[in-house]
Amino acid sequence: MRILLLEDDPLLSQIMEEFLVQSGHDVYVCMDGSRAEEVITAEGFDMLLLDIQVPGISGLELMRRLDAYRVRIPTIFITSIQGARELKEAFDLGADDYIKKPFDLEELEVRIARTARQFGLGGDAEIRLGGGMSFHPSKQTVESGTGSVQLKKKEAAVLHYLYNNRSRTVSSDELVNNIWRFDEPPTDATIRTYIKNLRHILGNDRIVTVKGVGYRLDTV
């Protein structure tokens, strides 16, 4: 996975970077929250590891700004704070997990692996869509009892994003901001075509249109 690490302690960030690289990840280290914001909104990452108390803007403020940009990336917070208020705020902003300092690198590895499984990241992770269907993001295929269907790259990205945000409705603008970050933005008609193609594969009732809001994936 491609991971952004926001940690202002030079020694800890070096130790974590070396550990993550040895574990096979591509790591970008930031020691300043403002710099992290610039990098995240310009480049693509699979996961964020964010210290809460850093120079520039805090990890919490960074998360708040990413939410305003409709950029949603699996996030684990790193904190030395013992109180519950900041952690509650982190989860309210969309954090997926947290780890308290000091921590063992093995614990960090467990939490990263857990979050990766939750979002179908890395390796040949299988995502169960219900109804006997499964989605393999790395192979960009949907499989069922009747066979396997190969998705186009952007179709797979749209399905993966809808799955990762299956508890809520996702707007077309949010899809564009998170999937087409490096490419020319598509038209609304193009997005509707991707949704139509996915419905043809999954079933018309699996992706619900919420009028005036966006789309929601039904995995039940």
Protein backbone atom coordinates (compact mmCIF):
# COMPACT_ATOMS: atom_id res chain seq x y z
CA MET A 1 0.00 0.00 0.00
CA ARG A 2 0.97 3.64 -0.40
CA ILE A 3 0.89 5.18 3.07
CA LEU A 4 1.29 8.79 4.19
CA LEU A 5 2.82 9.10 7.66
CA LEU A 6 2.36 12.39 9.53
CA GLU A 7 4.68 12.34 12.54
CA ASP A 8 6.85 15.22 13.77
CA ASP A 9 9.16 13.19 16.02
CA PRO A 10 12.22 12.61 13.78
CA LEU A 11 13.34 9.40 15.49
CA LEU A 12 9.87 7.85 15.67
CA SER A 13 9.05 8.78 12.06
CA GLN A 14 12.33 7.21 10.90
CA ILE A 15 11.68 4.01 12.86
CA MET A 16 8.11 3.77 11.55
CA GLU A 17 9.15 4.52 7.97
CA GLU A 18 11.85 1.82 8.01
CA PHE A 19 9.42 -0.70 9.50
CA LEU A 20 6.68 0.07 6.98
CA VAL A 21 9.08 -0.07 4.02
CA GLN A 22 10.43 -3.42 5.24
CA SER A 23 6.80 -4.59 5.40
CA GLY A 24 6.48 -3.82 1.68
CA HIS A 25 4.73 -0.45 1.79
CA ASP A 26 5.52 2.74 -0.13
CA VAL A 27 5.78 5.47 2.53
CA TYR A 28 5.71 9.27 2.28
CA VAL A 29 6.68 11.03 5.52
CA CYS A 30 5.47 14.50 6.54
CA MET A 31 6.35 16.28 9.77
CA ASP A 32 3.99 19.20 9.25
CA GLY A 33 0.20 19.04 8.91
CA SER A 34 0.04 21.76 6.28
CA ARG A 35 2.54 19.93 4.09
CA ALA A 36 0.57 16.71 4.54
CA GLU A 37 -2.57 18.48 3.32
CA GLU A 38 -0.76 19.62 0.15
CA VAL A 39 0.57 16.15 -0.59
CA ILE A 40 -2.66 14.26 0.11
CA THR A 41 -4.76 16.54 -2.11
CA ALA A 42 -2.22 16.26 -4.94
CA GLU A 43 -1.32 12.57 -4.78
CA GLY A 44 -3.04 9.25 -4.14
CA PHE A 45 -2.67 7.24 -0.92
CA ASP A 46 -4.25 4.01 0.29
CA MET A 47 -3.95 4.83 4.00
CA LEU A 48 -3.08 7.72 6.34
CA LEU A 49 -1.23 7.45 9.66
CA LEU A 50 -1.78 10.80 11.36
CA ASP A 51 -0.28 12.10 14.59
CA ILE A 52 -2.74 14.46 16.25
CA GLN A 53 -0.30 16.99 17.69
CA VAL A 54 1.97 18.22 14.90
CA PRO A 55 3.21 21.64 13.62
CA GLY A 56 1.15 23.54 11.09
CA ILE A 57 -2.34 22.15 11.34
CA SER A 58 -3.17 19.28 13.70
CA GLY A 59 -4.05 15.81 12.53
CA LEU A 60 -7.66 16.50 13.53
CA GLU A 61 -7.79 19.73 11.53
CA LEU A 62 -6.24 17.94 8.57
CA MET A 63 -8.98 15.31 8.74
CA ARG A 64 -11.60 18.05 8.95
CA ARG A 65 -10.21 19.74 5.82
CA LEU A 66 -10.02 16.49 3.88
CA ASP A 67 -13.67 15.89 4.74
CA ALA A 68 -14.50 19.33 3.34
CA TYR A 69 -12.65 18.39 0.12
CA ARG A 70 -14.62 15.11 0.11
CA VAL A 71 -11.30 13.23 0.14
CA ARG A 72 -11.83 10.03 2.15
CA ILE A 73 -8.89 7.70 2.81
CA PRO A 74 -8.67 4.98 5.50
CA THR A 75 -7.05 6.67 8.50
CA ILE A 76 -5.35 5.55 11.70
CA PHE A 77 -4.59 8.24 14.28
CA ILE A 78 -1.43 8.21 16.37
CA THR A 79 -1.76 9.96 19.70
CA SER A 80 -0.12 10.48 23.07
CA ILE A 81 -3.32 12.09 24.37
CA GLN A 82 -4.96 10.15 27.17
CA GLY A 83 -8.31 11.93 27.20
CA ALA A 84 -11.36 10.62 25.37
CA ARG A 85 -12.50 13.95 23.88
CA GLU A 86 -9.89 14.08 21.11
CA LEU A 87 -10.40 10.43 20.25
CA LYS A 88 -14.15 10.94 20.03
CA GLU A 89 -13.57 13.90 17.72
CA ALA A 90 -11.23 11.80 15.58
CA PHE A 91 -13.85 9.08 15.12
CA ASP A 92 -16.55 11.67 14.49
CA LEU A 93 -14.37 13.02 11.67
CA GLY A 94 -14.11 9.55 10.12
CA ALA A 95 -11.05 7.90 11.69
CA ASP A 96 -11.01 4.13 11.30
CA ASP A 97 -8.68 3.27 14.20
CA TYR A 98 -6.12 4.75 16.57
CA ILE A 99 -2.96 3.73 18.35
CA LYS A 100 -1.57 5.30 21.53
CA LYS A 101 2.08 6.17 22.13
CA PRO A 102 4.21 4.42 23.11
CA PHE A 103 3.34 1.40 20.98
CA ASP A 104 5.01 -1.73 19.62
CA LEU A 105 5.58 -1.88 15.90
CA GLU A 106 3.83 -5.25 15.91
CA GLU A 107 0.68 -3.54 17.23
CA LEU A 108 0.94 -0.96 14.45
CA GLU A 109 1.23 -3.78 11.91
CA VAL A 110 -1.89 -5.46 13.33
CA ARG A 111 -3.92 -2.25 13.15
CA ILE A 112 -2.78 -1.50 9.60
CA ALA A 113 -3.63 -5.05 8.51
CA ARG A 114 -7.04 -4.85 10.20
CA THR A 115 -7.90 -1.57 8.49
CA ALA A 116 -6.59 -2.87 5.15
CA ARG A 117 -8.86 -5.93 5.40
CA GLN A 118 -11.81 -3.71 6.29
CA PHE A 119 -11.33 -1.71 3.10
CA GLY A 120 -10.16 -4.52 0.84
CA LEU A 121 -6.66 -3.07 0.47
CA GLY A 122 -3.52 -4.94 -0.47
CA GLY A 123 -2.91 -8.39 -1.91
CA ASP A 124 -5.82 -10.33 -3.36
CA ALA A 125 -8.33 -9.29 -0.71
CA GLU A 126 -11.85 -10.53 -1.40
CA ILE A 127 -14.81 -8.28 -0.70
CA ARG A 128 -18.12 -10.05 -0.19
CA LEU A 129 -20.94 -8.06 -1.76
CA GLY A 130 -23.78 -10.32 -0.67
CA GLY A 131 -26.06 -12.33 -2.91
CA GLY A 132 -23.26 -14.80 -3.60
CA MET A 133 -21.09 -12.14 -5.23
CA SER A 134 -17.53 -11.15 -4.38
CA PHE A 135 -15.28 -8.34 -5.62
CA HIS A 136 -11.51 -8.66 -6.04
CA PRO A 137 -10.08 -5.10 -6.26
CA SER A 138 -6.57 -6.20 -7.28
CA LYS A 139 -7.91 -8.30 -10.19
CA GLN A 140 -10.78 -5.87 -10.88
CA THR A 141 -13.26 -8.71 -11.12
CA VAL A 142 -16.71 -9.50 -9.76
CA GLU A 143 -17.32 -13.21 -9.23
CA SER A 144 -20.51 -15.15 -8.66
CA GLY A 145 -21.90 -18.62 -9.17
CA THR A 146 -22.33 -17.88 -12.87
CA GLY A 147 -18.72 -16.87 -13.49
CA SER A 148 -16.34 -13.92 -13.38
CA VAL A 149 -16.79 -10.46 -14.92
CA GLN A 150 -13.79 -8.26 -15.68
CA LEU A 151 -14.39 -4.62 -14.79
CA LYS A 152 -12.79 -1.61 -16.40
CA LYS A 153 -10.27 0.20 -14.19
CA LYS A 154 -12.58 3.10 -13.32
CA GLU A 155 -15.59 0.82 -12.84
CA ALA A 156 -13.58 -1.14 -10.28
CA ALA A 157 -12.47 2.09 -8.59
CA VAL A 158 -16.07 3.34 -8.37
CA LEU A 159 -17.28 0.02 -6.93
CA HIS A 160 -14.42 -0.07 -4.44
CA TYR A 161 -15.13 3.48 -3.28
CA LEU A 162 -18.86 2.81 -2.93
CA TYR A 163 -18.07 -0.30 -0.90
CA ASN A 164 -15.65 1.53 1.40
CA ASN A 165 -18.38 4.13 2.03
CA ARG A 166 -21.33 1.73 1.96
CA SER A 167 -22.85 3.15 5.15
CA ARG A 168 -23.71 6.44 3.43
CA THR A 169 -24.64 8.10 0.14
CA VAL A 170 -21.75 9.24 -2.09
CA SER A 171 -22.15 12.20 -4.44
CA SER A 172 -20.80 12.39 -8.00
CA ASP A 173 -18.47 15.21 -6.91
CA GLU A 174 -17.01 12.99 -4.19
CA LEU A 175 -16.36 10.19 -6.67
CA VAL A 176 -14.56 12.66 -8.95
CA ASN A 177 -12.47 14.12 -6.11
CA ASN A 178 -11.29 10.70 -4.93
CA ILE A 179 -10.99 8.65 -8.12
CA TRP A 180 -10.11 11.09 -10.89
CA ARG A 181 -7.56 13.11 -8.90
CA PHE A 182 -4.83 12.70 -11.54
CA ASP A 183 -7.05 12.56 -14.62
CA GLU A 184 -9.34 14.91 -16.46
CA PRO A 185 -12.63 15.02 -14.51
CA PRO A 186 -15.46 13.04 -16.14
CA THR A 187 -18.88 14.40 -16.95
CA ASP A 188 -21.96 13.46 -14.93
CA ALA A 189 -23.06 11.40 -17.93
CA THR A 190 -19.83 9.38 -17.75
CA ILE A 191 -20.37 8.63 -14.07
CA ARG A 192 -23.96 7.60 -14.78
CA THR A 193 -22.62 5.21 -17.43
CA TYR A 194 -20.25 3.59 -14.92
CA ILE A 195 -23.12 3.20 -12.45
CA LYS A 196 -25.33 1.72 -15.18
CA ASN A 197 -22.62 -0.81 -16.11
CA LEU A 198 -22.13 -1.81 -12.47
CA ARG A 199 -25.87 -2.26 -12.00
CA HIS A 200 -25.93 -4.52 -15.04
CA ILE A 201 -23.31 -6.72 -13.36
CA LEU A 202 -24.50 -6.55 -9.74
CA GLY A 203 -28.24 -6.17 -10.26
CA ASN A 204 -30.28 -3.00 -10.63
CA ASP A 205 -31.22 -2.83 -6.96
CA ARG A 206 -27.65 -3.07 -5.60
CA ILE A 207 -26.68 0.57 -6.24
CA VAL A 208 -29.39 2.89 -4.98
CA THR A 209 -29.82 6.39 -6.38
CA VAL A 210 -30.70 8.95 -3.71
CA LYS A 211 -32.26 11.74 -5.74
CA GLY A 212 -30.34 14.99 -5.51
CA VAL A 213 -27.63 13.42 -3.31
CA GLY A 214 -25.82 10.55 -5.02
CA TYR A 215 -25.37 6.78 -4.87
CA ARG A 216 -25.31 4.14 -2.12
CA LEU A 217 -24.17 0.53 -2.41
CA ASP A 218 -26.44 -2.08 -0.85
CA THR A 219 -24.40 -5.13 0.22
CA VAL A 220 -27.20 -6.94 2.08
